[in-house]
Amino acid sequence: MSDKKAPALGTLTLDTRSGRVGRVMDFEGPHVQLRPPQGGIEWDARPEDLRLLGSCDDLSSRVAELNAHSRSGL
């Protein structure tokens, strides 16, 4: 993020360094811990590498998350 402030918990962001979308799960030292919207293993990202997703990006990620849950029977 350009202001180097970490986004709020639960926010969907793009990790510009890895190109992955993740939901903010926690903060560990100088890093933000992200988890893929469909679930999976968390990874660490630097706050300055994160970009908040726009409403269209957010909607697309939420649909993917819901589809993943419906396929897994949750």
N, C-alpha and C. Protein backbone atom coordinates (compact mmCIF):
# COMPACT_ATOMS: atom_id res chain seq x y z
N MET A 1 0.85 -1.16 0.00
CA MET A 1 0.00 0.00 0.00
C MET A 1 0.90 1.23 0.00
N SER A 2 0.47 2.22 -0.68
CA SER A 2 1.33 3.38 -0.86
C SER A 2 1.62 4.11 0.45
N ASP A 3 0.68 4.11 1.41
CA ASP A 3 0.92 4.79 2.67
C ASP A 3 1.60 3.89 3.70
N LYS A 4 1.90 2.66 3.33
CA LYS A 4 2.60 1.67 4.15
C LYS A 4 1.85 1.30 5.42
N LYS A 5 0.56 1.59 5.48
CA LYS A 5 -0.25 1.18 6.61
C LYS A 5 -0.91 -0.15 6.24
N ALA A 6 -0.97 -1.04 7.20
CA ALA A 6 -1.58 -2.34 6.95
C ALA A 6 -3.10 -2.20 6.87
N PRO A 7 -3.73 -2.97 5.98
CA PRO A 7 -5.19 -2.95 5.88
C PRO A 7 -5.83 -3.65 7.09
N ALA A 8 -7.11 -3.44 7.25
CA ALA A 8 -7.85 -4.03 8.38
C ALA A 8 -7.98 -5.55 8.22
N LEU A 9 -8.15 -6.23 9.34
CA LEU A 9 -8.40 -7.67 9.32
C LEU A 9 -9.61 -7.97 8.44
N GLY A 10 -9.50 -9.04 7.67
CA GLY A 10 -10.60 -9.46 6.82
C GLY A 10 -10.63 -8.81 5.45
N THR A 11 -9.78 -7.81 5.22
CA THR A 11 -9.75 -7.10 3.95
C THR A 11 -9.11 -7.95 2.87
N LEU A 12 -9.70 -7.94 1.68
CA LEU A 12 -9.10 -8.62 0.54
C LEU A 12 -8.10 -7.67 -0.12
N THR A 13 -6.90 -8.19 -0.34
CA THR A 13 -5.84 -7.38 -0.93
C THR A 13 -5.12 -8.16 -2.00
N LEU A 14 -4.41 -7.44 -2.84
CA LEU A 14 -3.53 -8.04 -3.84
C LEU A 14 -2.11 -7.88 -3.34
N ASP A 15 -1.39 -8.98 -3.24
CA ASP A 15 0.03 -8.95 -2.92
C ASP A 15 0.75 -8.73 -4.25
N THR A 16 1.17 -7.50 -4.50
CA THR A 16 1.75 -7.16 -5.80
C THR A 16 3.08 -7.87 -6.04
N ARG A 17 3.73 -8.28 -5.00
CA ARG A 17 5.01 -8.98 -5.14
C ARG A 17 4.80 -10.39 -5.68
N SER A 18 3.77 -11.09 -5.18
CA SER A 18 3.53 -12.47 -5.62
C SER A 18 2.42 -12.57 -6.66
N GLY A 19 1.59 -11.51 -6.77
CA GLY A 19 0.47 -11.54 -7.70
C GLY A 19 -0.73 -12.31 -7.17
N ARG A 20 -0.72 -12.64 -5.88
CA ARG A 20 -1.80 -13.42 -5.28
C ARG A 20 -2.77 -12.52 -4.52
N VAL A 21 -4.03 -12.94 -4.50
CA VAL A 21 -5.06 -12.26 -3.71
C VAL A 21 -5.17 -12.98 -2.38
N GLY A 22 -5.26 -12.20 -1.31
CA GLY A 22 -5.38 -12.80 0.01
C GLY A 22 -6.23 -11.95 0.94
N ARG A 23 -6.79 -12.63 1.93
CA ARG A 23 -7.57 -11.97 2.97
C ARG A 23 -6.65 -11.76 4.17
N VAL A 24 -6.63 -10.56 4.73
CA VAL A 24 -5.78 -10.26 5.88
C VAL A 24 -6.28 -11.05 7.08
N MET A 25 -5.38 -11.88 7.63
CA MET A 25 -5.74 -12.74 8.76
C MET A 25 -5.12 -12.29 10.07
N ASP A 26 -3.91 -11.72 9.98
CA ASP A 26 -3.20 -11.36 11.22
C ASP A 26 -2.00 -10.49 10.84
N PHE A 27 -1.29 -10.05 11.88
CA PHE A 27 -0.09 -9.25 11.71
C PHE A 27 1.00 -9.90 12.54
N GLU A 28 2.15 -10.09 11.94
CA GLU A 28 3.28 -10.73 12.63
C GLU A 28 4.51 -9.87 12.40
N GLY A 29 4.90 -9.12 13.42
CA GLY A 29 6.02 -8.21 13.26
C GLY A 29 5.72 -7.20 12.16
N PRO A 30 6.64 -7.03 11.22
CA PRO A 30 6.42 -6.07 10.14
C PRO A 30 5.59 -6.62 8.99
N HIS A 31 5.16 -7.85 9.10
CA HIS A 31 4.44 -8.51 8.00
C HIS A 31 2.94 -8.62 8.25
N VAL A 32 2.23 -8.74 7.15
CA VAL A 32 0.79 -9.01 7.17
C VAL A 32 0.62 -10.45 6.72
N GLN A 33 -0.17 -11.22 7.46
CA GLN A 33 -0.42 -12.60 7.08
C GLN A 33 -1.70 -12.66 6.26
N LEU A 34 -1.57 -13.25 5.07
CA LEU A 34 -2.68 -13.36 4.14
C LEU A 34 -3.03 -14.82 3.90
N ARG A 35 -4.30 -15.07 3.63
CA ARG A 35 -4.77 -16.42 3.29
C ARG A 35 -5.56 -16.31 1.99
N PRO A 36 -5.41 -17.27 1.09
CA PRO A 36 -6.20 -17.23 -0.14
C PRO A 36 -7.69 -17.20 0.19
N PRO A 37 -8.50 -16.47 -0.59
CA PRO A 37 -9.94 -16.38 -0.30
C PRO A 37 -10.63 -17.74 -0.27
N GLN A 38 -10.12 -18.70 -1.04
CA GLN A 38 -10.73 -20.03 -1.07
C GLN A 38 -10.23 -20.91 0.07
N GLY A 39 -9.37 -20.38 0.90
CA GLY A 39 -8.79 -21.15 1.99
C GLY A 39 -7.42 -21.66 1.59
N GLY A 40 -6.68 -22.11 2.53
CA GLY A 40 -5.35 -22.62 2.24
C GLY A 40 -4.33 -22.08 3.22
N ILE A 41 -3.09 -22.21 2.83
CA ILE A 41 -1.98 -21.84 3.69
C ILE A 41 -1.72 -20.34 3.61
N GLU A 42 -1.53 -19.75 4.77
CA GLU A 42 -1.23 -18.32 4.85
C GLU A 42 0.19 -18.05 4.38
N TRP A 43 0.42 -16.83 3.93
CA TRP A 43 1.77 -16.38 3.61
C TRP A 43 1.94 -14.98 4.15
N ASP A 44 3.20 -14.59 4.31
CA ASP A 44 3.54 -13.26 4.82
C ASP A 44 3.78 -12.30 3.66
N ALA A 45 3.33 -11.08 3.83
CA ALA A 45 3.56 -10.03 2.84
C ALA A 45 3.94 -8.75 3.56
N ARG A 46 4.65 -7.91 2.85
CA ARG A 46 4.99 -6.60 3.41
C ARG A 46 3.84 -5.63 3.13
N PRO A 47 3.49 -4.78 4.08
CA PRO A 47 2.38 -3.84 3.87
C PRO A 47 2.55 -2.99 2.61
N GLU A 48 3.78 -2.61 2.29
CA GLU A 48 4.00 -1.77 1.12
C GLU A 48 3.78 -2.51 -0.20
N ASP A 49 3.70 -3.85 -0.15
CA ASP A 49 3.44 -4.64 -1.36
C ASP A 49 1.96 -4.92 -1.57
N LEU A 50 1.10 -4.43 -0.68
CA LEU A 50 -0.33 -4.73 -0.76
C LEU A 50 -1.10 -3.60 -1.43
N ARG A 51 -2.11 -4.00 -2.20
CA ARG A 51 -3.01 -3.05 -2.83
C ARG A 51 -4.43 -3.50 -2.53
N LEU A 52 -5.24 -2.59 -2.02
CA LEU A 52 -6.64 -2.93 -1.75
C LEU A 52 -7.34 -3.24 -3.06
N LEU A 53 -8.24 -4.20 -3.02
CA LEU A 53 -8.98 -4.55 -4.22
C LEU A 53 -10.18 -3.64 -4.39
N GLY A 54 -10.50 -3.32 -5.62
CA GLY A 54 -11.69 -2.53 -5.93
C GLY A 54 -12.94 -3.39 -5.76
N SER A 55 -14.11 -2.80 -5.87
CA SER A 55 -15.36 -3.53 -5.63
C SER A 55 -15.54 -4.67 -6.62
N CYS A 56 -15.15 -4.50 -7.87
CA CYS A 56 -15.27 -5.59 -8.85
C CYS A 56 -14.33 -6.74 -8.51
N ASP A 57 -13.09 -6.41 -8.11
CA ASP A 57 -12.13 -7.44 -7.70
C ASP A 57 -12.65 -8.17 -6.48
N ASP A 58 -13.18 -7.41 -5.52
CA ASP A 58 -13.70 -7.97 -4.29
C ASP A 58 -14.85 -8.93 -4.58
N LEU A 59 -15.76 -8.53 -5.45
CA LEU A 59 -16.90 -9.37 -5.79
C LEU A 59 -16.43 -10.66 -6.45
N SER A 60 -15.48 -10.57 -7.36
CA SER A 60 -14.96 -11.75 -8.03
C SER A 60 -14.32 -12.72 -7.04
N SER A 61 -13.57 -12.19 -6.08
CA SER A 61 -12.93 -13.04 -5.07
C SER A 61 -13.97 -13.69 -4.16
N ARG A 62 -15.01 -12.93 -3.81
CA ARG A 62 -16.06 -13.50 -2.95
C ARG A 62 -16.83 -14.62 -3.66
N VAL A 63 -17.09 -14.44 -4.94
CA VAL A 63 -17.77 -15.49 -5.72
C VAL A 63 -16.89 -16.74 -5.76
N ALA A 64 -15.59 -16.56 -5.99
CA ALA A 64 -14.68 -17.71 -6.01
C ALA A 64 -14.66 -18.41 -4.66
N GLU A 65 -14.68 -17.62 -3.58
CA GLU A 65 -14.69 -18.18 -2.24
C GLU A 65 -15.97 -18.99 -1.99
N LEU A 66 -17.11 -18.44 -2.36
CA LEU A 66 -18.38 -19.15 -2.19
C LEU A 66 -18.44 -20.41 -3.04
N ASN A 67 -17.93 -20.35 -4.26
CA ASN A 67 -17.89 -21.53 -5.12
C ASN A 67 -17.03 -22.62 -4.51
N ALA A 68 -15.90 -22.24 -3.94
CA ALA A 68 -15.02 -23.23 -3.32
C ALA A 68 -15.71 -23.89 -2.14
N HIS A 69 -16.44 -23.10 -1.33
CA HIS A 69 -17.16 -23.67 -0.19
C HIS A 69 -18.28 -24.59 -0.66
N SER A 70 -18.97 -24.25 -1.73
CA SER A 70 -20.07 -25.10 -2.19
C SER A 70 -19.53 -26.42 -2.76
N ARG A 71 -18.36 -26.38 -3.38
CA ARG A 71 -17.77 -27.61 -3.90
C ARG A 71 -17.30 -28.52 -2.79
N SER A 72 -16.88 -27.95 -1.67
CA SER A 72 -16.36 -28.76 -0.57
C SER A 72 -17.46 -29.24 0.36
N GLY A 73 -18.70 -28.79 0.12
CA GLY A 73 -19.82 -29.25 0.92
C GLY A 73 -19.97 -28.52 2.23
N LEU A 74 -19.36 -27.35 2.38
CA LEU A 74 -19.48 -26.59 3.63
C LEU A 74 -20.76 -25.80 3.66
